[in-house]
Amino acid sequence: MSNVSSSGPPMAASPLTRAVLEIDEYASGLGWDQPARLFALVDTAQLRSQEPALAAQLGLDGGDDAAPLTPIEQDELPAGQALDEFLGTIAWPDAVAGCALTVERLMLPPSAEASVPENLSEAALAKWVAKHPDRQEVRMTVAVLRDGARESALRLREKDSPNEVLTGADLVPGLAEALSATFEA
């Protein structure tokens, strides 16, 4: 895991890490209590050559300082549909190199896991977690590429600073698996 400086993603970071941190920064600018957001990740050079008008609209027609991957936000996710069900309906065109999702959730520290009541429904468990005194609000940004590469960024609401964003490939493995499945034919 690494921390990010307030000046943005480190230039030495992988293209996928840079894309995840760019999406995290964008989501941070929107504030908290936002719906989940889905992004296609496209190869910036390919976008410039195949879709120059779109590249210009996205501000990518300038010099070579653009990131290798460009996140493009997709339509709003359908309200009332479970996230895993929605992800199961996605199929990406070949031009999409990867995808990313940013979502807010409540989480408990590992010390609270032993106190979770057994046999709760999903709705009852969500209510229990929401009332727990040690709960934390977290924004998770998870990205995957067609080749299997993964990256995640986690930001706690109580430590809402670019210097406090944690990154790592295996921070949210279940969500990464669900996103990877959107590329399986």
N, C-alpha and C. Protein backbone atom coordinates (compact mmCIF):
# COMPACT_ATOMS: atom_id res chain seq x y z
N MET A 1 0.84 -1.17 0.00
CA MET A 1 0.00 0.00 0.00
C MET A 1 0.89 1.23 0.00
N SER A 2 0.34 2.28 -0.56
CA SER A 2 1.09 3.52 -0.56
C SER A 2 0.15 4.69 -0.32
N ASN A 3 0.72 5.78 0.06
CA ASN A 3 -0.05 7.00 0.21
C ASN A 3 0.21 7.88 -0.99
N VAL A 4 -0.69 8.81 -1.24
CA VAL A 4 -0.59 9.70 -2.37
C VAL A 4 -0.28 11.09 -1.86
N SER A 5 0.59 11.77 -2.53
CA SER A 5 0.89 13.14 -2.12
C SER A 5 -0.22 14.07 -2.57
N SER A 6 -0.29 15.24 -1.97
CA SER A 6 -1.34 16.19 -2.32
C SER A 6 -1.15 16.75 -3.72
N SER A 7 -0.03 16.50 -4.36
CA SER A 7 0.19 16.99 -5.70
C SER A 7 -0.32 16.02 -6.75
N GLY A 8 -1.05 14.99 -6.35
CA GLY A 8 -1.62 14.04 -7.30
C GLY A 8 -0.85 12.74 -7.32
N PRO A 9 -1.24 11.87 -8.24
CA PRO A 9 -0.60 10.56 -8.31
C PRO A 9 0.88 10.68 -8.67
N PRO A 10 1.71 9.83 -8.08
CA PRO A 10 3.13 9.87 -8.42
C PRO A 10 3.31 9.48 -9.89
N MET A 11 4.20 10.14 -10.57
CA MET A 11 4.42 9.86 -11.99
C MET A 11 4.90 8.43 -12.21
N ALA A 12 5.56 7.84 -11.23
CA ALA A 12 6.07 6.49 -11.37
C ALA A 12 4.99 5.44 -11.15
N ALA A 13 3.81 5.86 -10.70
CA ALA A 13 2.72 4.91 -10.46
C ALA A 13 2.32 4.24 -11.77
N SER A 14 1.80 3.03 -11.67
CA SER A 14 1.34 2.33 -12.87
C SER A 14 0.18 3.10 -13.48
N PRO A 15 -0.07 2.92 -14.77
CA PRO A 15 -1.22 3.59 -15.39
C PRO A 15 -2.54 3.29 -14.68
N LEU A 16 -2.70 2.08 -14.19
CA LEU A 16 -3.94 1.72 -13.51
C LEU A 16 -4.05 2.44 -12.16
N THR A 17 -2.94 2.52 -11.44
CA THR A 17 -2.95 3.26 -10.17
C THR A 17 -3.27 4.72 -10.41
N ARG A 18 -2.68 5.29 -11.44
CA ARG A 18 -2.96 6.70 -11.77
C ARG A 18 -4.43 6.89 -12.09
N ALA A 19 -5.03 5.96 -12.84
CA ALA A 19 -6.45 6.08 -13.18
C ALA A 19 -7.33 5.98 -11.93
N VAL A 20 -7.00 5.05 -11.04
CA VAL A 20 -7.79 4.89 -9.80
C VAL A 20 -7.70 6.16 -8.96
N LEU A 21 -6.52 6.72 -8.85
CA LEU A 21 -6.36 7.93 -8.05
C LEU A 21 -7.03 9.15 -8.71
N GLU A 22 -7.05 9.18 -10.02
CA GLU A 22 -7.76 10.25 -10.73
C GLU A 22 -9.26 10.15 -10.46
N ILE A 23 -9.80 8.95 -10.49
CA ILE A 23 -11.22 8.75 -10.21
C ILE A 23 -11.53 9.08 -8.75
N ASP A 24 -10.65 8.66 -7.83
CA ASP A 24 -10.84 8.98 -6.42
C ASP A 24 -10.87 10.49 -6.21
N GLU A 25 -9.97 11.20 -6.86
CA GLU A 25 -9.92 12.66 -6.73
C GLU A 25 -11.21 13.29 -7.28
N TYR A 26 -11.68 12.78 -8.41
CA TYR A 26 -12.93 13.27 -9.00
C TYR A 26 -14.10 13.05 -8.04
N ALA A 27 -14.20 11.83 -7.50
CA ALA A 27 -15.28 11.50 -6.57
C ALA A 27 -15.18 12.36 -5.31
N SER A 28 -13.98 12.61 -4.85
CA SER A 28 -13.78 13.45 -3.67
C SER A 28 -14.31 14.85 -3.91
N GLY A 29 -14.12 15.35 -5.11
CA GLY A 29 -14.60 16.68 -5.45
C GLY A 29 -16.12 16.79 -5.45
N LEU A 30 -16.80 15.66 -5.61
CA LEU A 30 -18.27 15.64 -5.59
C LEU A 30 -18.82 15.59 -4.18
N GLY A 31 -17.96 15.27 -3.21
CA GLY A 31 -18.40 15.16 -1.82
C GLY A 31 -18.88 13.75 -1.50
N TRP A 32 -19.34 13.61 -0.28
CA TRP A 32 -19.80 12.31 0.20
C TRP A 32 -21.30 12.13 -0.07
N ASP A 33 -21.79 10.95 0.25
CA ASP A 33 -23.20 10.59 0.07
C ASP A 33 -23.60 10.63 -1.39
N GLN A 34 -22.74 10.09 -2.23
CA GLN A 34 -22.97 10.04 -3.67
C GLN A 34 -23.33 8.62 -4.09
N PRO A 35 -24.03 8.48 -5.20
CA PRO A 35 -24.31 7.13 -5.71
C PRO A 35 -23.05 6.50 -6.27
N ALA A 36 -23.09 5.21 -6.48
CA ALA A 36 -21.99 4.50 -7.12
C ALA A 36 -21.82 5.05 -8.53
N ARG A 37 -20.58 5.06 -9.00
CA ARG A 37 -20.28 5.57 -10.34
C ARG A 37 -19.40 4.56 -11.07
N LEU A 38 -19.75 4.31 -12.32
CA LEU A 38 -19.04 3.34 -13.16
C LEU A 38 -18.26 4.09 -14.24
N PHE A 39 -17.04 3.62 -14.51
CA PHE A 39 -16.19 4.25 -15.50
C PHE A 39 -15.63 3.20 -16.45
N ALA A 40 -15.57 3.53 -17.73
CA ALA A 40 -14.81 2.75 -18.69
C ALA A 40 -13.40 3.31 -18.68
N LEU A 41 -12.41 2.46 -18.79
CA LEU A 41 -11.02 2.90 -18.90
C LEU A 41 -10.56 2.62 -20.32
N VAL A 42 -10.14 3.68 -21.01
CA VAL A 42 -9.71 3.52 -22.39
C VAL A 42 -8.27 3.95 -22.54
N ASP A 43 -7.59 3.37 -23.51
CA ASP A 43 -6.22 3.73 -23.83
C ASP A 43 -6.24 5.14 -24.42
N THR A 44 -5.54 6.07 -23.78
CA THR A 44 -5.58 7.48 -24.18
C THR A 44 -5.06 7.68 -25.60
N ALA A 45 -3.95 7.04 -25.95
CA ALA A 45 -3.38 7.20 -27.29
C ALA A 45 -4.36 6.68 -28.35
N GLN A 46 -4.98 5.55 -28.07
CA GLN A 46 -5.95 4.98 -29.00
C GLN A 46 -7.17 5.90 -29.13
N LEU A 47 -7.61 6.47 -28.01
CA LEU A 47 -8.74 7.39 -28.03
C LEU A 47 -8.41 8.61 -28.90
N ARG A 48 -7.21 9.15 -28.74
CA ARG A 48 -6.80 10.31 -29.54
C ARG A 48 -6.83 10.00 -31.04
N SER A 49 -6.34 8.82 -31.41
CA SER A 49 -6.27 8.50 -32.84
C SER A 49 -7.61 8.08 -33.43
N GLN A 50 -8.43 7.37 -32.67
CA GLN A 50 -9.69 6.85 -33.22
C GLN A 50 -10.88 7.77 -33.00
N GLU A 51 -10.83 8.61 -31.96
CA GLU A 51 -11.94 9.51 -31.64
C GLU A 51 -11.40 10.90 -31.30
N PRO A 52 -10.80 11.59 -32.27
CA PRO A 52 -10.16 12.87 -31.96
C PRO A 52 -11.14 13.93 -31.41
N ALA A 53 -12.38 13.93 -31.87
CA ALA A 53 -13.35 14.91 -31.36
C ALA A 53 -13.64 14.65 -29.88
N LEU A 54 -13.83 13.38 -29.51
CA LEU A 54 -14.08 13.04 -28.12
C LEU A 54 -12.84 13.35 -27.27
N ALA A 55 -11.67 13.03 -27.80
CA ALA A 55 -10.43 13.33 -27.07
C ALA A 55 -10.32 14.84 -26.82
N ALA A 56 -10.67 15.64 -27.81
CA ALA A 56 -10.63 17.09 -27.64
C ALA A 56 -11.65 17.54 -26.60
N GLN A 57 -12.84 16.95 -26.63
CA GLN A 57 -13.88 17.29 -25.66
C GLN A 57 -13.42 16.96 -24.24
N LEU A 58 -12.64 15.91 -24.09
CA LEU A 58 -12.14 15.49 -22.78
C LEU A 58 -10.84 16.21 -22.40
N GLY A 59 -10.36 17.09 -23.28
CA GLY A 59 -9.13 17.83 -23.00
C GLY A 59 -7.87 17.01 -23.18
N LEU A 60 -7.94 16.01 -24.04
CA LEU A 60 -6.80 15.10 -24.24
C LEU A 60 -6.07 15.35 -25.55
N ASP A 61 -6.37 16.46 -26.20
CA ASP A 61 -5.75 16.74 -27.49
C ASP A 61 -4.46 17.53 -27.37
N GLY A 62 -4.03 17.75 -26.13
CA GLY A 62 -2.80 18.51 -25.88
C GLY A 62 -1.56 17.66 -26.03
N GLY A 63 -0.57 17.97 -25.23
CA GLY A 63 0.73 17.30 -25.31
C GLY A 63 0.70 15.87 -24.82
N ASP A 64 1.90 15.36 -24.59
CA ASP A 64 2.06 13.96 -24.19
C ASP A 64 1.95 13.76 -22.69
N ASP A 65 1.48 14.77 -21.94
CA ASP A 65 1.43 14.65 -20.49
C ASP A 65 0.17 13.95 -19.98
N ALA A 66 -0.71 13.54 -20.88
CA ALA A 66 -1.93 12.86 -20.47
C ALA A 66 -1.59 11.47 -19.93
N ALA A 67 -2.39 11.02 -18.99
CA ALA A 67 -2.21 9.68 -18.43
C ALA A 67 -2.47 8.63 -19.51
N PRO A 68 -1.84 7.47 -19.41
CA PRO A 68 -2.03 6.41 -20.41
C PRO A 68 -3.46 5.87 -20.49
N LEU A 69 -4.19 5.91 -19.37
CA LEU A 69 -5.58 5.45 -19.35
C LEU A 69 -6.49 6.63 -19.04
N THR A 70 -7.58 6.71 -19.76
CA THR A 70 -8.55 7.77 -19.54
C THR A 70 -9.84 7.17 -18.99
N PRO A 71 -10.27 7.60 -17.80
CA PRO A 71 -11.56 7.15 -17.28
C PRO A 71 -12.69 7.95 -17.92
N ILE A 72 -13.72 7.25 -18.36
CA ILE A 72 -14.90 7.89 -18.94
C ILE A 72 -16.12 7.42 -18.15
N GLU A 73 -16.75 8.38 -17.45
CA GLU A 73 -17.90 8.02 -16.62
C GLU A 73 -19.06 7.55 -17.48
N GLN A 74 -19.70 6.49 -17.03
CA GLN A 74 -20.84 5.91 -17.74
C GLN A 74 -22.13 6.48 -17.18
N ASP A 75 -23.23 6.10 -17.80
CA ASP A 75 -24.54 6.55 -17.32
C ASP A 75 -24.74 6.14 -15.87
N GLU A 76 -25.61 6.86 -15.20
CA GLU A 76 -25.90 6.58 -13.80
C GLU A 76 -26.40 5.15 -13.64
N LEU A 77 -25.99 4.51 -12.57
CA LEU A 77 -26.43 3.15 -12.30
C LEU A 77 -27.92 3.16 -11.96
N PRO A 78 -28.63 2.12 -12.36
CA PRO A 78 -30.07 2.09 -12.10
C PRO A 78 -30.37 2.04 -10.60
N ALA A 79 -31.30 2.87 -10.19
CA ALA A 79 -31.70 2.90 -8.78
C ALA A 79 -32.49 1.64 -8.44
N GLY A 80 -32.28 1.14 -7.25
CA GLY A 80 -33.05 -0.01 -6.78
C GLY A 80 -32.53 -1.36 -7.22
N GLN A 81 -31.53 -1.41 -8.09
CA GLN A 81 -30.98 -2.69 -8.52
C GLN A 81 -29.70 -2.96 -7.73
N ALA A 82 -29.58 -4.18 -7.22
CA ALA A 82 -28.37 -4.55 -6.48
C ALA A 82 -27.15 -4.41 -7.38
N LEU A 83 -26.06 -3.94 -6.80
CA LEU A 83 -24.84 -3.69 -7.57
C LEU A 83 -24.34 -4.94 -8.28
N ASP A 84 -24.33 -6.08 -7.58
CA ASP A 84 -23.85 -7.31 -8.22
C ASP A 84 -24.75 -7.73 -9.38
N GLU A 85 -26.04 -7.51 -9.25
CA GLU A 85 -26.96 -7.83 -10.36
C GLU A 85 -26.69 -6.92 -11.55
N PHE A 86 -26.50 -5.62 -11.27
CA PHE A 86 -26.22 -4.68 -12.35
C PHE A 86 -24.92 -5.04 -13.06
N LEU A 87 -23.86 -5.32 -12.31
CA LEU A 87 -22.58 -5.65 -12.93
C LEU A 87 -22.70 -6.88 -13.81
N GLY A 88 -23.59 -7.79 -13.45
CA GLY A 88 -23.80 -8.99 -14.26
C GLY A 88 -24.43 -8.72 -15.61
N THR A 89 -24.93 -7.51 -15.82
CA THR A 89 -25.57 -7.17 -17.10
C THR A 89 -24.64 -6.43 -18.05
N ILE A 90 -23.42 -6.13 -17.61
CA ILE A 90 -22.52 -5.30 -18.41
C ILE A 90 -21.69 -6.14 -19.37
N ALA A 91 -21.56 -5.62 -20.58
CA ALA A 91 -20.63 -6.16 -21.57
C ALA A 91 -19.92 -4.96 -22.20
N TRP A 92 -18.60 -5.00 -22.23
CA TRP A 92 -17.83 -3.87 -22.73
C TRP A 92 -17.39 -4.10 -24.16
N PRO A 93 -17.38 -3.04 -24.99
CA PRO A 93 -16.82 -3.18 -26.34
C PRO A 93 -15.30 -3.38 -26.27
N ASP A 94 -14.72 -3.85 -27.34
CA ASP A 94 -13.29 -4.14 -27.38
C ASP A 94 -12.42 -2.91 -27.11
N ALA A 95 -12.92 -1.72 -27.42
CA ALA A 95 -12.13 -0.50 -27.23
C ALA A 95 -11.91 -0.16 -25.75
N VAL A 96 -12.67 -0.79 -24.88
CA VAL A 96 -12.54 -0.53 -23.44
C VAL A 96 -11.46 -1.45 -22.87
N ALA A 97 -10.41 -0.83 -22.33
CA ALA A 97 -9.27 -1.58 -21.79
C ALA A 97 -9.53 -2.10 -20.38
N GLY A 98 -10.43 -1.43 -19.66
CA GLY A 98 -10.73 -1.80 -18.29
C GLY A 98 -11.93 -1.02 -17.79
N CYS A 99 -12.24 -1.20 -16.53
CA CYS A 99 -13.35 -0.47 -15.95
C CYS A 99 -13.07 -0.20 -14.47
N ALA A 100 -13.80 0.74 -13.93
CA ALA A 100 -13.64 1.10 -12.53
C ALA A 100 -14.99 1.47 -11.95
N LEU A 101 -15.08 1.31 -10.65
CA LEU A 101 -16.30 1.63 -9.93
C LEU A 101 -15.91 2.33 -8.65
N THR A 102 -16.63 3.38 -8.32
CA THR A 102 -16.45 4.02 -7.03
C THR A 102 -17.78 3.91 -6.29
N VAL A 103 -17.68 3.50 -5.04
CA VAL A 103 -18.89 3.25 -4.24
C VAL A 103 -18.58 3.54 -2.78
N GLU A 104 -19.56 4.04 -2.07
CA GLU A 104 -19.41 4.32 -0.64
C GLU A 104 -20.09 3.20 0.15
N ARG A 105 -19.46 2.82 1.24
CA ARG A 105 -20.00 1.78 2.11
C ARG A 105 -19.65 2.07 3.55
N LEU A 106 -20.33 1.38 4.44
CA LEU A 106 -19.97 1.39 5.86
C LEU A 106 -19.14 0.14 6.10
N MET A 107 -18.13 0.26 6.94
CA MET A 107 -17.33 -0.91 7.29
C MET A 107 -17.04 -0.88 8.78
N LEU A 108 -16.73 -2.04 9.27
CA LEU A 108 -16.37 -2.18 10.68
C LEU A 108 -14.91 -2.59 10.79
N PRO A 109 -14.25 -2.22 11.87
CA PRO A 109 -12.87 -2.68 12.06
C PRO A 109 -12.88 -4.18 12.35
N PRO A 110 -11.76 -4.85 12.11
CA PRO A 110 -11.70 -6.30 12.37
C PRO A 110 -12.09 -6.66 13.81
N SER A 111 -11.83 -5.77 14.76
CA SER A 111 -12.16 -6.05 16.16
C SER A 111 -13.67 -6.19 16.38
N ALA A 112 -14.47 -5.67 15.48
CA ALA A 112 -15.93 -5.73 15.64
C ALA A 112 -16.54 -6.98 15.00
N GLU A 113 -15.76 -7.69 14.20
CA GLU A 113 -16.30 -8.84 13.48
C GLU A 113 -16.83 -9.93 14.41
N ALA A 114 -16.20 -10.13 15.53
CA ALA A 114 -16.64 -11.17 16.47
C ALA A 114 -18.01 -10.87 17.07
N SER A 115 -18.41 -9.61 17.08
CA SER A 115 -19.68 -9.24 17.70
C SER A 115 -20.84 -9.20 16.71
N VAL A 116 -20.61 -9.54 15.45
CA VAL A 116 -21.69 -9.52 14.46
C VAL A 116 -22.67 -10.66 14.77
N PRO A 117 -23.95 -10.32 14.94
CA PRO A 117 -24.94 -11.37 15.20
C PRO A 117 -25.04 -12.34 14.02
N GLU A 118 -25.31 -13.58 14.33
CA GLU A 118 -25.43 -14.60 13.28
C GLU A 118 -26.83 -14.60 12.70
N ASN A 119 -26.94 -15.14 11.51
CA ASN A 119 -28.22 -15.39 10.83
C ASN A 119 -29.04 -14.13 10.57
N LEU A 120 -28.39 -13.00 10.37
CA LEU A 120 -29.12 -11.78 10.02
C LEU A 120 -29.32 -11.74 8.51
N SER A 121 -30.46 -11.22 8.09
CA SER A 121 -30.66 -10.99 6.66
C SER A 121 -29.71 -9.87 6.24
N GLU A 122 -29.56 -9.69 4.94
CA GLU A 122 -28.69 -8.63 4.45
C GLU A 122 -29.17 -7.26 4.92
N ALA A 123 -30.47 -7.05 4.89
CA ALA A 123 -31.03 -5.76 5.33
C ALA A 123 -30.81 -5.55 6.83
N ALA A 124 -31.02 -6.59 7.61
CA ALA A 124 -30.83 -6.48 9.06
C ALA A 124 -29.36 -6.25 9.40
N LEU A 125 -28.47 -6.91 8.68
CA LEU A 125 -27.04 -6.72 8.90
C LEU A 125 -26.64 -5.28 8.57
N ALA A 126 -27.17 -4.74 7.48
CA ALA A 126 -26.86 -3.36 7.10
C ALA A 126 -27.32 -2.39 8.19
N LYS A 127 -28.50 -2.63 8.76
CA LYS A 127 -28.99 -1.78 9.84
C LYS A 127 -28.11 -1.90 11.08
N TRP A 128 -27.69 -3.13 11.40
CA TRP A 128 -26.83 -3.35 12.56
C TRP A 128 -25.51 -2.61 12.39
N VAL A 129 -24.90 -2.72 11.21
CA VAL A 129 -23.62 -2.04 10.95
C VAL A 129 -23.81 -0.53 11.03
N ALA A 130 -24.91 -0.02 10.48
CA ALA A 130 -25.16 1.43 10.48
C ALA A 130 -25.27 2.00 11.89
N LYS A 131 -25.69 1.17 12.84
CA LYS A 131 -25.85 1.62 14.22
C LYS A 131 -24.62 1.35 15.08
N HIS A 132 -23.67 0.59 14.57
CA HIS A 132 -22.49 0.22 15.36
C HIS A 132 -21.64 1.46 15.64
N PRO A 133 -21.19 1.64 16.89
CA PRO A 133 -20.41 2.85 17.23
C PRO A 133 -19.04 2.92 16.55
N ASP A 134 -18.50 1.80 16.11
CA ASP A 134 -17.16 1.79 15.50
C ASP A 134 -17.20 1.79 13.97
N ARG A 135 -18.37 1.99 13.40
CA ARG A 135 -18.48 1.97 11.94
C ARG A 135 -17.66 3.11 11.32
N GLN A 136 -17.22 2.87 10.11
CA GLN A 136 -16.47 3.87 9.35
C GLN A 136 -17.12 3.99 7.98
N GLU A 137 -17.23 5.22 7.48
CA GLU A 137 -17.68 5.41 6.12
C GLU A 137 -16.44 5.41 5.23
N VAL A 138 -16.52 4.68 4.14
CA VAL A 138 -15.38 4.54 3.25
C VAL A 138 -15.85 4.68 1.80
N ARG A 139 -15.01 5.32 1.00
CA ARG A 139 -15.24 5.36 -0.45
C ARG A 139 -14.21 4.44 -1.06
N MET A 140 -14.68 3.50 -1.83
CA MET A 140 -13.80 2.53 -2.48
C MET A 140 -13.83 2.80 -3.98
N THR A 141 -12.67 2.87 -4.57
CA THR A 141 -12.55 2.96 -6.02
C THR A 141 -11.74 1.75 -6.44
N VAL A 142 -12.35 0.92 -7.26
CA VAL A 142 -11.72 -0.33 -7.68
C VAL A 142 -11.70 -0.35 -9.21
N ALA A 143 -10.54 -0.71 -9.77
CA ALA A 143 -10.39 -0.77 -11.22
C ALA A 143 -9.73 -2.08 -11.62
N VAL A 144 -10.12 -2.56 -12.79
CA VAL A 144 -9.52 -3.77 -13.36
C VAL A 144 -9.27 -3.54 -14.85
N LEU A 145 -8.30 -4.24 -15.36
CA LEU A 145 -8.03 -4.24 -16.79
C LEU A 145 -8.37 -5.60 -17.37
N ARG A 146 -8.56 -5.66 -18.66
CA ARG A 146 -8.86 -6.93 -19.33
C ARG A 146 -7.80 -7.99 -19.05
N ASP A 147 -6.55 -7.56 -18.88
CA ASP A 147 -5.46 -8.52 -18.67
C ASP A 147 -5.40 -9.05 -17.24
N GLY A 148 -6.34 -8.61 -16.38
CA GLY A 148 -6.38 -9.11 -15.01
C GLY A 148 -5.76 -8.18 -13.98
N ALA A 149 -5.07 -7.13 -14.41
CA ALA A 149 -4.48 -6.19 -13.46
C ALA A 149 -5.60 -5.52 -12.65
N ARG A 150 -5.30 -5.23 -11.38
CA ARG A 150 -6.27 -4.63 -10.47
C ARG A 150 -5.61 -3.54 -9.66
N GLU A 151 -6.44 -2.60 -9.21
CA GLU A 151 -5.97 -1.57 -8.29
C GLU A 151 -7.18 -1.03 -7.55
N SER A 152 -6.94 -0.60 -6.32
CA SER A 152 -8.01 -0.04 -5.49
C SER A 152 -7.48 1.16 -4.73
N ALA A 153 -8.40 2.05 -4.41
CA ALA A 153 -8.10 3.19 -3.53
C ALA A 153 -9.20 3.26 -2.49
N LEU A 154 -8.82 3.44 -1.24
CA LEU A 154 -9.77 3.56 -0.15
C LEU A 154 -9.57 4.90 0.55
N ARG A 155 -10.69 5.57 0.79
CA ARG A 155 -10.65 6.86 1.48
C ARG A 155 -11.70 6.82 2.59
N LEU A 156 -11.26 7.01 3.83
CA LEU A 156 -12.17 7.09 4.96
C LEU A 156 -12.75 8.49 5.06
N ARG A 157 -14.02 8.57 5.38
CA ARG A 157 -14.64 9.89 5.52
C ARG A 157 -13.99 10.70 6.63
N GLU A 158 -13.63 10.04 7.72
CA GLU A 158 -13.03 10.78 8.84
C GLU A 158 -11.59 11.23 8.55
N LYS A 159 -10.99 10.68 7.52
CA LYS A 159 -9.63 11.09 7.12
C LYS A 159 -9.66 11.48 5.65
N ASP A 160 -10.57 12.38 5.31
CA ASP A 160 -10.81 12.76 3.93
C ASP A 160 -9.74 13.72 3.43
N SER A 161 -8.62 13.14 3.04
CA SER A 161 -7.48 13.91 2.56
C SER A 161 -6.75 13.08 1.51
N PRO A 162 -6.22 13.72 0.46
CA PRO A 162 -5.46 12.97 -0.54
C PRO A 162 -4.25 12.26 0.06
N ASN A 163 -3.74 12.77 1.18
CA ASN A 163 -2.60 12.13 1.83
C ASN A 163 -2.98 10.87 2.60
N GLU A 164 -4.25 10.63 2.76
CA GLU A 164 -4.73 9.49 3.55
C GLU A 164 -5.40 8.41 2.69
N VAL A 165 -5.24 8.49 1.38
CA VAL A 165 -5.82 7.50 0.48
C VAL A 165 -4.90 6.28 0.41
N LEU A 166 -5.44 5.13 0.72
CA LEU A 166 -4.68 3.88 0.65
C LEU A 166 -4.88 3.25 -0.72
N THR A 167 -3.81 2.71 -1.28
CA THR A 167 -3.93 2.02 -2.56
C THR A 167 -3.35 0.62 -2.43
N GLY A 168 -3.85 -0.27 -3.25
CA GLY A 168 -3.35 -1.63 -3.28
C GLY A 168 -4.20 -2.48 -4.20
N ALA A 169 -3.61 -3.51 -4.73
CA ALA A 169 -4.31 -4.36 -5.70
C ALA A 169 -5.39 -5.22 -5.06
N ASP A 170 -5.23 -5.60 -3.80
CA ASP A 170 -6.14 -6.57 -3.19
C ASP A 170 -6.93 -6.00 -2.02
N LEU A 171 -7.22 -4.71 -2.03
CA LEU A 171 -7.96 -4.12 -0.91
C LEU A 171 -9.44 -4.49 -0.92
N VAL A 172 -10.01 -4.68 -2.11
CA VAL A 172 -11.44 -5.00 -2.24
C VAL A 172 -11.57 -6.13 -3.26
N PRO A 173 -11.13 -7.33 -2.89
CA PRO A 173 -11.06 -8.42 -3.87
C PRO A 173 -12.41 -8.83 -4.45
N GLY A 174 -13.47 -8.82 -3.65
CA GLY A 174 -14.78 -9.23 -4.17
C GLY A 174 -15.28 -8.30 -5.26
N LEU A 175 -15.11 -7.00 -5.07
CA LEU A 175 -15.54 -6.04 -6.08
C LEU A 175 -14.65 -6.14 -7.32
N ALA A 176 -13.37 -6.36 -7.13
CA ALA A 176 -12.46 -6.53 -8.27
C ALA A 176 -12.87 -7.75 -9.10
N GLU A 177 -13.24 -8.83 -8.42
CA GLU A 177 -13.71 -10.04 -9.14
C GLU A 177 -14.97 -9.74 -9.93
N ALA A 178 -15.91 -9.02 -9.32
CA ALA A 178 -17.16 -8.69 -10.01
C ALA A 178 -16.90 -7.81 -11.23
N LEU A 179 -15.98 -6.86 -11.11
CA LEU A 179 -15.65 -6.01 -12.26
C LEU A 179 -14.94 -6.81 -13.35
N SER A 180 -14.04 -7.71 -12.95
CA SER A 180 -13.34 -8.56 -13.93
C SER A 180 -14.33 -9.42 -14.70
N ALA A 181 -15.37 -9.86 -14.04
CA ALA A 181 -16.37 -10.71 -14.70
C ALA A 181 -17.11 -9.97 -15.82
N THR A 182 -17.10 -8.64 -15.81
CA THR A 182 -17.77 -7.89 -16.87
C THR A 182 -17.02 -8.01 -18.20
N PHE A 183 -15.79 -8.55 -18.19
CA PHE A 183 -15.01 -8.74 -19.40
C PHE A 183 -15.04 -10.18 -19.91
N GLU A 184 -15.71 -11.05 -19.18
CA GLU A 184 -15.80 -12.45 -19.61
C GLU A 184 -16.95 -12.61 -20.59
N ALA A 185 -16.66 -13.26 -21.69
CA ALA A 185 -17.70 -13.43 -22.72
C ALA A 185 -18.45 -14.72 -22.56
